[in-house]
């Protein structure tokens, strides 16, 4: 599988928007993702297979660290190493920007993601309870 990674463009966003909740996960709304793309502290990438967008990922830069906002793969393409490739590219991007610390949050039930992050030496720092307002 020849996955290629590119910076996300407005054209990519236009392709992802109508299928965001059906082909990916419903974690991000279209308006939230659009806001992230317009944020100068955010950087997003897309994974393409034969010119089809099969995944995307993003980071948010703060003063001294980068926070992984999401790594999302199309439902039909999961468990094929695309998330791994996206994560590797985010790590490379972070290093190019001169950051040495990456943080992220992962759902306690998402053991697949946890295994991926542990494979890349991410450490569990704390477990928080979700607050409902």
Foldseek 3Di string as FASTA:
>chain_A
DDKDKDWDDVVNLVVCQVCVVPFKNVPDHSVRVVVQVVDPQKTKMFIDDPNHTFWMWMWGDDDAEIETPDTIGGPVCPPPCPSVVNVVVVVVVCVVVPHDHYHYDDDPPPVVVVVSVVVVVDDDDDDDDDDDD
